[in-house]
């Protein structure tokens, strides 16, 4: 006998902390990204991504850097940096 079950996908929210850099321990992936939104969408699409940093594009470039993390931040690994924004998922 075959049983079908509907699986509801829970939307994951992203909390943005501007001007914040997370240290590079526990990096899942680092790649170019067009925007903070693009970086957040990538992290939200991966169940193993617990947070991400986005760095603004360098002068003359149209892509920034998206750095995704395997673990959530407890706040002690964050520091101020105007070129970066940290995004925490729930």
PDB file of N, CA and C in Angstrom:
ATOM      1  N   UNK A   1       0.845  -1.167   0.000  1.00  0.00           N
ATOM      2  CA  UNK A   1       0.000   0.000   0.000  1.00  0.00           C
ATOM      3  C   UNK A   1       0.900   1.243   0.000  1.00  0.00           C
ATOM      4  N   UNK A   2       0.482   2.274  -0.693  1.00  0.00           N
ATOM      5  CA  UNK A   2       1.257   3.512  -0.831  1.00  0.00           C
ATOM      6  C   UNK A   2       0.568   4.648  -0.080  1.00  0.00           C
ATOM      7  N   UNK A   3       1.313   5.342   0.751  1.00  0.00           N
ATOM      8  CA  UNK A   3       0.797   6.495   1.463  1.00  0.00           C
ATOM      9  C   UNK A   3       1.560   7.742   1.042  1.00  0.00           C
ATOM     10  N   UNK A   4       0.867   8.783   0.736  1.00  0.00           N
ATOM     11  CA  UNK A   4       1.496  10.051   0.370  1.00  0.00           C
ATOM     12  C   UNK A   4       1.341  11.019   1.531  1.00  0.00           C
ATOM     13  N   UNK A   5       2.378  11.736   1.805  1.00  0.00           N
ATOM     14  CA  UNK A   5       2.333  12.722   2.889  1.00  0.00           C
ATOM     15  C   UNK A   5       2.740  14.083   2.338  1.00  0.00           C
ATOM     16  N   UNK A   6       2.039  15.086   2.744  1.00  0.00           N
ATOM     17  CA  UNK A   6       2.374  16.440   2.324  1.00  0.00           C
ATOM     18  C   UNK A   6       3.379  17.010   3.328  1.00  0.00           C
ATOM     19  N   UNK A   7       4.456  17.533   2.837  1.00  0.00           N
ATOM     20  CA  UNK A   7       5.471  18.144   3.687  1.00  0.00           C
ATOM     21  C   UNK A   7       5.413  19.645   3.481  1.00  0.00           C
ATOM     22  N   UNK A   8       5.147  20.359   4.546  1.00  0.00           N
ATOM     23  CA  UNK A   8       5.095  21.813   4.461  1.00  0.00           C
ATOM     24  C   UNK A   8       6.481  22.361   4.715  1.00  0.00           C
ATOM     25  N   UNK A   9       6.928  23.239   3.839  1.00  0.00           N
ATOM     26  CA  UNK A   9       8.221  23.871   3.987  1.00  0.00           C
ATOM     27  C   UNK A   9       8.070  25.134   4.824  1.00  0.00           C
ATOM     28  N   UNK A  10       8.792  25.195   5.899  1.00  0.00           N
ATOM     29  CA  UNK A  10       8.756  26.366   6.763  1.00  0.00           C
ATOM     30  C   UNK A  10       9.659  27.439   6.183  1.00  0.00           C
ATOM     31  N   UNK A  11       9.134  28.631   6.047  1.00  0.00           N
ATOM     32  CA  UNK A  11       9.949  29.742   5.562  1.00  0.00           C
ATOM     33  C   UNK A  11      10.956  30.130   6.622  1.00  0.00           C
ATOM     34  N   UNK A  12      12.175  30.353   6.209  1.00  0.00           N
ATOM     35  CA  UNK A  12      13.233  30.765   7.122  1.00  0.00           C
ATOM     36  C   UNK A  12      13.430  32.265   6.991  1.00  0.00           C
ATOM     37  N   UNK A  13      13.407  32.957   8.112  1.00  0.00           N
ATOM     38  CA  UNK A  13      13.626  34.397   8.111  1.00  0.00           C
ATOM     39  C   UNK A  13      15.108  34.694   8.247  1.00  0.00           C
ATOM     40  N   UNK A  14      15.493  35.893   7.809  1.00  0.00           N
ATOM     41  CA  UNK A  14      16.869  36.351   7.927  1.00  0.00           C
ATOM     42  C   UNK A  14      16.861  37.673   8.685  1.00  0.00           C
ATOM     43  N   UNK A  15      17.666  37.760   9.732  1.00  0.00           N
ATOM     44  CA  UNK A  15      17.829  38.995  10.489  1.00  0.00           C
ATOM     45  C   UNK A  15      19.142  39.643  10.059  1.00  0.00           C
ATOM     46  N   UNK A  16      19.068  40.870   9.587  1.00  0.00           N
ATOM     47  CA  UNK A  16      20.226  41.576   9.039  1.00  0.00           C
ATOM     48  C   UNK A  16      20.844  42.492  10.083  1.00  0.00           C
ATOM     49  N   UNK A  17      22.169  42.397  10.247  1.00  0.00           N
ATOM     50  CA  UNK A  17      22.921  43.274  11.143  1.00  0.00           C
ATOM     51  C   UNK A  17      23.946  44.003  10.281  1.00  0.00           C
ATOM     52  N   UNK A  18      23.668  45.263   9.959  1.00  0.00           N
ATOM     53  CA  UNK A  18      24.547  46.041   9.081  1.00  0.00           C
ATOM     54  C   UNK A  18      25.871  46.356   9.769  1.00  0.00           C
ATOM     55  N   UNK A  19      26.935  46.467   8.972  1.00  0.00           N
ATOM     56  CA  UNK A  19      28.241  46.866   9.484  1.00  0.00           C
ATOM     57  C   UNK A  19      28.846  45.860  10.446  1.00  0.00           C
ATOM     58  N   UNK A  20      28.591  44.575  10.208  1.00  0.00           N
ATOM     59  CA  UNK A  20      29.052  43.537  11.127  1.00  0.00           C
ATOM     60  C   UNK A  20      29.723  42.397  10.370  1.00  0.00           C
ATOM     61  N   UNK A  21      30.896  42.016  10.847  1.00  0.00           N
ATOM     62  CA  UNK A  21      31.668  40.917  10.267  1.00  0.00           C
ATOM     63  C   UNK A  21      31.734  39.777  11.264  1.00  0.00           C
ATOM     64  N   UNK A  22      31.533  38.556  10.791  1.00  0.00           N
ATOM     65  CA  UNK A  22      31.707  37.366  11.626  1.00  0.00           C
ATOM     66  C   UNK A  22      33.065  36.772  11.309  1.00  0.00           C
ATOM     67  N   UNK A  23      33.772  36.247  12.328  1.00  0.00           N
ATOM     68  CA  UNK A  23      35.073  35.637  12.038  1.00  0.00           C
ATOM     69  C   UNK A  23      34.881  34.446  11.110  1.00  0.00           C
ATOM     70  N   UNK A  24      35.974  33.967  10.516  1.00  0.00           N
ATOM     71  CA  UNK A  24      35.842  32.973   9.444  1.00  0.00           C
ATOM     72  C   UNK A  24      35.880  31.510   9.907  1.00  0.00           C
ATOM     73  N   UNK A  25      35.560  31.240  11.150  1.00  0.00           N
ATOM     74  CA  UNK A  25      35.464  29.849  11.605  1.00  0.00           C
ATOM     75  C   UNK A  25      34.124  29.252  11.188  1.00  0.00           C
ATOM     76  N   UNK A  26      34.130  28.029  10.726  1.00  0.00           N
ATOM     77  CA  UNK A  26      32.892  27.337  10.375  1.00  0.00           C
ATOM     78  C   UNK A  26      32.287  27.751   9.052  1.00  0.00           C
ATOM     79  N   UNK A  27      33.113  28.182   8.099  1.00  0.00           N
ATOM     80  CA  UNK A  27      32.586  28.600   6.792  1.00  0.00           C
ATOM     81  C   UNK A  27      32.090  27.392   6.011  1.00  0.00           C
ATOM     82  N   UNK A  28      30.886  27.484   5.520  1.00  0.00           N
ATOM     83  CA  UNK A  28      30.263  26.462   4.691  1.00  0.00           C
ATOM     84  C   UNK A  28      30.639  26.672   3.228  1.00  0.00           C
ATOM     85  N   UNK A  29      30.593  27.933   2.790  1.00  0.00           N
ATOM     86  CA  UNK A  29      30.864  28.268   1.388  1.00  0.00           C
ATOM     87  C   UNK A  29      31.142  29.762   1.283  1.00  0.00           C
ATOM     88  N   UNK A  30      31.956  30.149   0.317  1.00  0.00           N
ATOM     89  CA  UNK A  30      32.190  31.559   0.018  1.00  0.00           C
ATOM     90  C   UNK A  30      32.199  31.716  -1.495  1.00  0.00           C
ATOM     91  N   UNK A  31      31.377  32.635  -1.991  1.00  0.00           N
ATOM     92  CA  UNK A  31      31.257  32.815  -3.436  1.00  0.00           C
ATOM     93  C   UNK A  31      30.796  34.237  -3.753  1.00  0.00           C
ATOM     94  N   UNK A  32      30.952  34.672  -5.003  1.00  0.00           N
ATOM     95  CA  UNK A  32      30.466  36.003  -5.403  1.00  0.00           C
ATOM     96  C   UNK A  32      28.947  36.078  -5.313  1.00  0.00           C
ATOM     97  N   UNK A  33      28.440  37.279  -4.999  1.00  0.00           N
ATOM     98  CA  UNK A  33      26.992  37.508  -4.921  1.00  0.00           C
ATOM     99  C   UNK A  33      26.688  38.916  -5.404  1.00  0.00           C
ATOM    100  N   UNK A  34      25.544  39.098  -6.039  1.00  0.00           N
ATOM    101  CA  UNK A  34      25.157  40.402  -6.588  1.00  0.00           C
ATOM    102  C   UNK A  34      24.690  41.377  -5.507  1.00  0.00           C
ATOM    103  N   UNK A  35      24.113  40.844  -4.426  1.00  0.00           N
ATOM    104  CA  UNK A  35      23.521  41.726  -3.413  1.00  0.00           C
ATOM    105  C   UNK A  35      23.344  40.978  -2.093  1.00  0.00           C
ATOM    106  N   UNK A  36      22.976  41.735  -1.042  1.00  0.00           N
ATOM    107  CA  UNK A  36      22.639  41.110   0.238  1.00  0.00           C
ATOM    108  C   UNK A  36      21.456  40.169   0.068  1.00  0.00           C
ATOM    109  N   UNK A  37      20.488  40.584  -0.741  1.00  0.00           N
ATOM    110  CA  UNK A  37      19.309  39.763  -0.983  1.00  0.00           C
ATOM    111  C   UNK A  37      19.704  38.424  -1.612  1.00  0.00           C
ATOM    112  N   UNK A  38      20.599  38.463  -2.603  1.00  0.00           N
ATOM    113  CA  UNK A  38      21.077  37.259  -3.270  1.00  0.00           C
ATOM    114  C   UNK A  38      21.771  36.333  -2.263  1.00  0.00           C
ATOM    115  N   UNK A  39      22.613  36.900  -1.431  1.00  0.00           N
ATOM    116  CA  UNK A  39      23.329  36.120  -0.414  1.00  0.00           C
ATOM    117  C   UNK A  39      22.341  35.503   0.587  1.00  0.00           C
ATOM    118  N   UNK A  40      21.385  36.284   1.053  1.00  0.00           N
ATOM    119  CA  UNK A  40      20.379  35.784   1.996  1.00  0.00           C
ATOM    120  C   UNK A  40      19.548  34.663   1.370  1.00  0.00           C
ATOM    121  N   UNK A  41      19.177  34.821   0.111  1.00  0.00           N
ATOM    122  CA  UNK A  41      18.385  33.792  -0.575  1.00  0.00           C
ATOM    123  C   UNK A  41      19.175  32.490  -0.695  1.00  0.00           C
ATOM    124  N   UNK A  42      20.465  32.590  -0.967  1.00  0.00           N
ATOM    125  CA  UNK A  42      21.300  31.383  -1.048  1.00  0.00           C
ATOM    126  C   UNK A  42      21.337  30.660   0.290  1.00  0.00           C
ATOM    127  N   UNK A  43      21.534  31.422   1.353  1.00  0.00           N
ATOM    128  CA  UNK A  43      21.595  30.819   2.684  1.00  0.00           C
ATOM    129  C   UNK A  43      20.254  30.188   3.050  1.00  0.00           C
ATOM    130  N   UNK A  44      19.174  30.879   2.788  1.00  0.00           N
ATOM    131  CA  UNK A  44      17.843  30.351   3.115  1.00  0.00           C
ATOM    132  C   UNK A  44      17.531  29.074   2.354  1.00  0.00           C
ATOM    133  N   UNK A  45      18.112  28.909   1.173  1.00  0.00           N
ATOM    134  CA  UNK A  45      17.818  27.731   0.361  1.00  0.00           C
ATOM    135  C   UNK A  45      18.563  26.486   0.833  1.00  0.00           C
ATOM    136  N   UNK A  46      19.521  26.660   1.732  1.00  0.00           N
ATOM    137  CA  UNK A  46      20.314  25.537   2.237  1.00  0.00           C
ATOM    138  C   UNK A  46      19.977  25.293   3.709  1.00  0.00           C
ATOM    139  N   UNK A  47      19.560  24.106   4.036  1.00  0.00           N
ATOM    140  CA  UNK A  47      19.211  23.787   5.415  1.00  0.00           C
ATOM    141  C   UNK A  47      20.423  23.805   6.333  1.00  0.00           C
ATOM    142  N   UNK A  48      21.631  23.601   5.785  1.00  0.00           N
ATOM    143  CA  UNK A  48      22.832  23.580   6.610  1.00  0.00           C
ATOM    144  C   UNK A  48      23.443  24.963   6.820  1.00  0.00           C
ATOM    145  N   UNK A  49      22.853  26.010   6.246  1.00  0.00           N
ATOM    146  CA  UNK A  49      23.346  27.374   6.419  1.00  0.00           C
ATOM    147  C   UNK A  49      22.627  28.029   7.598  1.00  0.00           C
ATOM    148  N   UNK A  50      23.399  28.443   8.600  1.00  0.00           N
ATOM    149  CA  UNK A  50      22.833  29.055   9.804  1.00  0.00           C
ATOM    150  C   UNK A  50      23.070  30.561   9.879  1.00  0.00           C
ATOM    151  N   UNK A  51      23.853  31.100   8.950  1.00  0.00           N
ATOM    152  CA  UNK A  51      24.133  32.532   8.922  1.00  0.00           C
ATOM    153  C   UNK A  51      25.018  32.849   7.737  1.00  0.00           C
ATOM    154  N   UNK A  52      25.083  34.132   7.380  1.00  0.00           N
ATOM    155  CA  UNK A  52      25.893  34.530   6.227  1.00  0.00           C
ATOM    156  C   UNK A  52      26.416  35.948   6.417  1.00  0.00           C
ATOM    157  N   UNK A  53      27.573  36.199   5.828  1.00  0.00           N
ATOM    158  CA  UNK A  53      28.143  37.540   5.758  1.00  0.00           C
ATOM    159  C   UNK A  53      28.136  37.964   4.307  1.00  0.00           C
ATOM    160  N   UNK A  54      27.803  39.228   4.063  1.00  0.00           N
ATOM    161  CA  UNK A  54      27.871  39.781   2.715  1.00  0.00           C
ATOM    162  C   UNK A  54      28.794  40.994   2.746  1.00  0.00           C
ATOM    163  N   UNK A  55      29.792  40.996   1.862  1.00  0.00           N
ATOM    164  CA  UNK A  55      30.698  42.134   1.742  1.00  0.00           C
ATOM    165  C   UNK A  55      30.344  42.919   0.488  1.00  0.00           C
ATOM    166  N   UNK A  56      30.291  44.227   0.638  1.00  0.00           N
ATOM    167  CA  UNK A  56      30.002  45.103  -0.498  1.00  0.00           C
ATOM    168  C   UNK A  56      31.023  44.896  -1.602  1.00  0.00           C
ATOM    169  N   UNK A  57      30.632  45.114  -2.868  1.00  0.00           N
ATOM    170  CA  UNK A  57      31.571  44.965  -3.985  1.00  0.00           C
ATOM    171  C   UNK A  57      32.737  45.945  -3.864  1.00  0.00           C
ATOM    172  N   UNK A  58      33.912  45.484  -4.286  1.00  0.00           N
ATOM    173  CA  UNK A  58      35.073  46.364  -4.345  1.00  0.00           C
ATOM    174  C   UNK A  58      34.851  47.401  -5.439  1.00  0.00           C
ATOM    175  N   UNK A  59      35.561  48.491  -5.371  1.00  0.00           N
ATOM    176  CA  UNK A  59      35.437  49.549  -6.374  1.00  0.00           C
ATOM    177  C   UNK A  59      35.668  48.985  -7.772  1.00  0.00           C
ATOM    178  N   UNK A  60      34.760  49.272  -8.687  1.00  0.00           N
ATOM    179  CA  UNK A  60      34.871  48.796 -10.065  1.00  0.00           C
ATOM    180  C   UNK A  60      34.289  47.409 -10.290  1.00  0.00           C
ATOM    181  N   UNK A  61      33.768  46.776  -9.250  1.00  0.00           N
ATOM    182  CA  UNK A  61      33.192  45.440  -9.372  1.00  0.00           C
ATOM    183  C   UNK A  61      31.678  45.532  -9.179  1.00  0.00           C
ATOM    184  N   UNK A  62      30.964  44.589  -9.774  1.00  0.00           N
ATOM    185  CA  UNK A  62      29.510  44.572  -9.589  1.00  0.00           C
ATOM    186  C   UNK A  62      29.059  43.406  -8.715  1.00  0.00           C
ATOM    187  N   UNK A  63      30.025  42.681  -8.120  1.00  0.00           N
ATOM    188  CA  UNK A  63      29.665  41.563  -7.262  1.00  0.00           C
ATOM    189  C   UNK A  63      30.393  41.661  -5.928  1.00  0.00           C
ATOM    190  N   UNK A  64      29.656  41.378  -4.869  1.00  0.00           N
ATOM    191  CA  UNK A  64      30.232  41.320  -3.539  1.00  0.00           C
ATOM    192  C   UNK A  64      30.593  39.887  -3.197  1.00  0.00           C
ATOM    193  N   UNK A  65      30.792  39.627  -1.918  1.00  0.00           N
ATOM    194  CA  UNK A  65      31.155  38.293  -1.449  1.00  0.00           C
ATOM    195  C   UNK A  65      30.095  37.783  -0.483  1.00  0.00           C
ATOM    196  N   UNK A  66      29.667  36.553  -0.690  1.00  0.00           N
ATOM    197  CA  UNK A  66      28.716  35.890   0.197  1.00  0.00           C
ATOM    198  C   UNK A  66      29.453  34.758   0.904  1.00  0.00           C
ATOM    199  N   UNK A  67      29.514  34.840   2.230  1.00  0.00           N
ATOM    200  CA  UNK A  67      30.180  33.819   3.046  1.00  0.00           C
ATOM    201  C   UNK A  67      29.122  33.192   3.947  1.00  0.00           C
ATOM    202  N   UNK A  68      28.875  31.885   3.752  1.00  0.00           N
ATOM    203  CA  UNK A  68      27.850  31.182   4.525  1.00  0.00           C
ATOM    204  C   UNK A  68      28.494  30.323   5.609  1.00  0.00           C
ATOM    205  N   UNK A  69      27.780  30.169   6.736  1.00  0.00           N
ATOM    206  CA  UNK A  69      28.307  29.467   7.906  1.00  0.00           C
ATOM    207  C   UNK A  69      27.461  28.261   8.291  1.00  0.00           C
ATOM    208  N   UNK A  70      28.134  27.238   8.847  1.00  0.00           N
ATOM    209  CA  UNK A  70      27.480  26.007   9.295  1.00  0.00           C
ATOM    210  C   UNK A  70      26.794  26.153  10.645  1.00  0.00           C
ATOM    211  N   UNK A  71      27.229  27.108  11.439  1.00  0.00           N
ATOM    212  CA  UNK A  71      26.707  27.263  12.794  1.00  0.00           C
ATOM    213  C   UNK A  71      26.144  28.668  12.997  1.00  0.00           C
ATOM    214  N   UNK A  72      25.268  28.791  13.961  1.00  0.00           N
ATOM    215  CA  UNK A  72      24.722  30.099  14.314  1.00  0.00           C
ATOM    216  C   UNK A  72      25.733  30.851  15.174  1.00  0.00           C
ATOM    217  N   UNK A  73      25.707  32.157  15.118  1.00  0.00           N
ATOM    218  CA  UNK A  73      26.587  32.985  15.929  1.00  0.00           C
ATOM    219  C   UNK A  73      26.000  33.182  17.322  1.00  0.00           C
ATOM    220  N   UNK A  74      26.863  33.175  18.319  1.00  0.00           N
ATOM    221  CA  UNK A  74      26.418  33.489  19.680  1.00  0.00           C
ATOM    222  C   UNK A  74      26.673  34.962  20.011  1.00  0.00           C
ATOM    223  N   UNK A  75      27.191  35.713  19.043  1.00  0.00           N
ATOM    224  CA  UNK A  75      27.451  37.138  19.209  1.00  0.00           C
ATOM    225  C   UNK A  75      28.886  37.464  19.566  1.00  0.00           C
ATOM    226  N   UNK A  76      29.612  36.507  20.161  1.00  0.00           N
ATOM    227  CA  UNK A  76      30.995  36.770  20.554  1.00  0.00           C
ATOM    228  C   UNK A  76      31.952  36.747  19.369  1.00  0.00           C
ATOM    229  N   UNK A  77      31.520  36.189  18.249  1.00  0.00           N
ATOM    230  CA  UNK A  77      32.376  36.110  17.065  1.00  0.00           C
ATOM    231  C   UNK A  77      32.058  37.203  16.042  1.00  0.00           C
ATOM    232  N   UNK A  78      31.327  38.231  16.441  1.00  0.00           N
ATOM    233  CA  UNK A  78      30.968  39.341  15.556  1.00  0.00           C
ATOM    234  C   UNK A  78      31.775  40.584  15.918  1.00  0.00           C
ATOM    235  N   UNK A  79      32.153  41.351  14.902  1.00  0.00           N
ATOM    236  CA  UNK A  79      32.860  42.608  15.133  1.00  0.00           C
ATOM    237  C   UNK A  79      32.383  43.637  14.113  1.00  0.00           C
ATOM    238  N   UNK A  80      32.570  44.893  14.442  1.00  0.00           N
ATOM    239  CA  UNK A  80      32.144  45.968  13.545  1.00  0.00           C
ATOM    240  C   UNK A  80      33.045  46.090  12.327  1.00  0.00           C
ATOM    241  N   UNK A  81      32.438  46.202  11.155  1.00  0.00           N
ATOM    242  CA  UNK A  81      33.172  46.413   9.913  1.00  0.00           C
ATOM    243  C   UNK A  81      32.169  46.967   8.897  1.00  0.00           C
ATOM    244  N   UNK A  82      32.358  48.212   8.425  1.00  0.00           N
ATOM    245  CA  UNK A  82      31.370  48.840   7.550  1.00  0.00           C
ATOM    246  C   UNK A  82      31.222  48.193   6.173  1.00  0.00           C
ATOM    247  N   UNK A  83      32.173  47.369   5.755  1.00  0.00           N
ATOM    248  CA  UNK A  83      32.090  46.718   4.440  1.00  0.00           C
ATOM    249  C   UNK A  83      31.254  45.445   4.458  1.00  0.00           C
ATOM    250  N   UNK A  84      30.938  44.937   5.643  1.00  0.00           N
ATOM    251  CA  UNK A  84      30.240  43.666   5.774  1.00  0.00           C
ATOM    252  C   UNK A  84      28.893  43.833   6.462  1.00  0.00           C
ATOM    253  N   UNK A  85      27.979  42.903   6.193  1.00  0.00           N
ATOM    254  CA  UNK A  85      26.710  42.786   6.900  1.00  0.00           C
ATOM    255  C   UNK A  85      26.526  41.323   7.267  1.00  0.00           C
ATOM    256  N   UNK A  86      26.066  41.064   8.484  1.00  0.00           N
ATOM    257  CA  UNK A  86      25.825  39.691   8.921  1.00  0.00           C
ATOM    258  C   UNK A  86      24.339  39.412   8.890  1.00  0.00           C
ATOM    259  N   UNK A  87      23.985  38.213   8.416  1.00  0.00           N
ATOM    260  CA  UNK A  87      22.598  37.788   8.346  1.00  0.00           C
ATOM    261  C   UNK A  87      22.450  36.489   9.109  1.00  0.00           C
ATOM    262  N   UNK A  88      21.582  36.476  10.107  1.00  0.00           N
ATOM    263  CA  UNK A  88      21.326  35.271  10.899  1.00  0.00           C
ATOM    264  C   UNK A  88      19.984  34.691  10.468  1.00  0.00           C
ATOM    265  N   UNK A  89      19.942  33.382  10.282  1.00  0.00           N
ATOM    266  CA  UNK A  89      18.686  32.712   9.933  1.00  0.00           C
ATOM    267  C   UNK A  89      18.071  32.119  11.189  1.00  0.00           C
ATOM    268  N   UNK A  90      16.769  31.875  11.132  1.00  0.00           N
ATOM    269  CA  UNK A  90      16.134  31.196  12.276  1.00  0.00           C
ATOM    270  C   UNK A  90      15.625  29.851  11.869  1.00  0.00           C
TER     271      UNK A  90
END
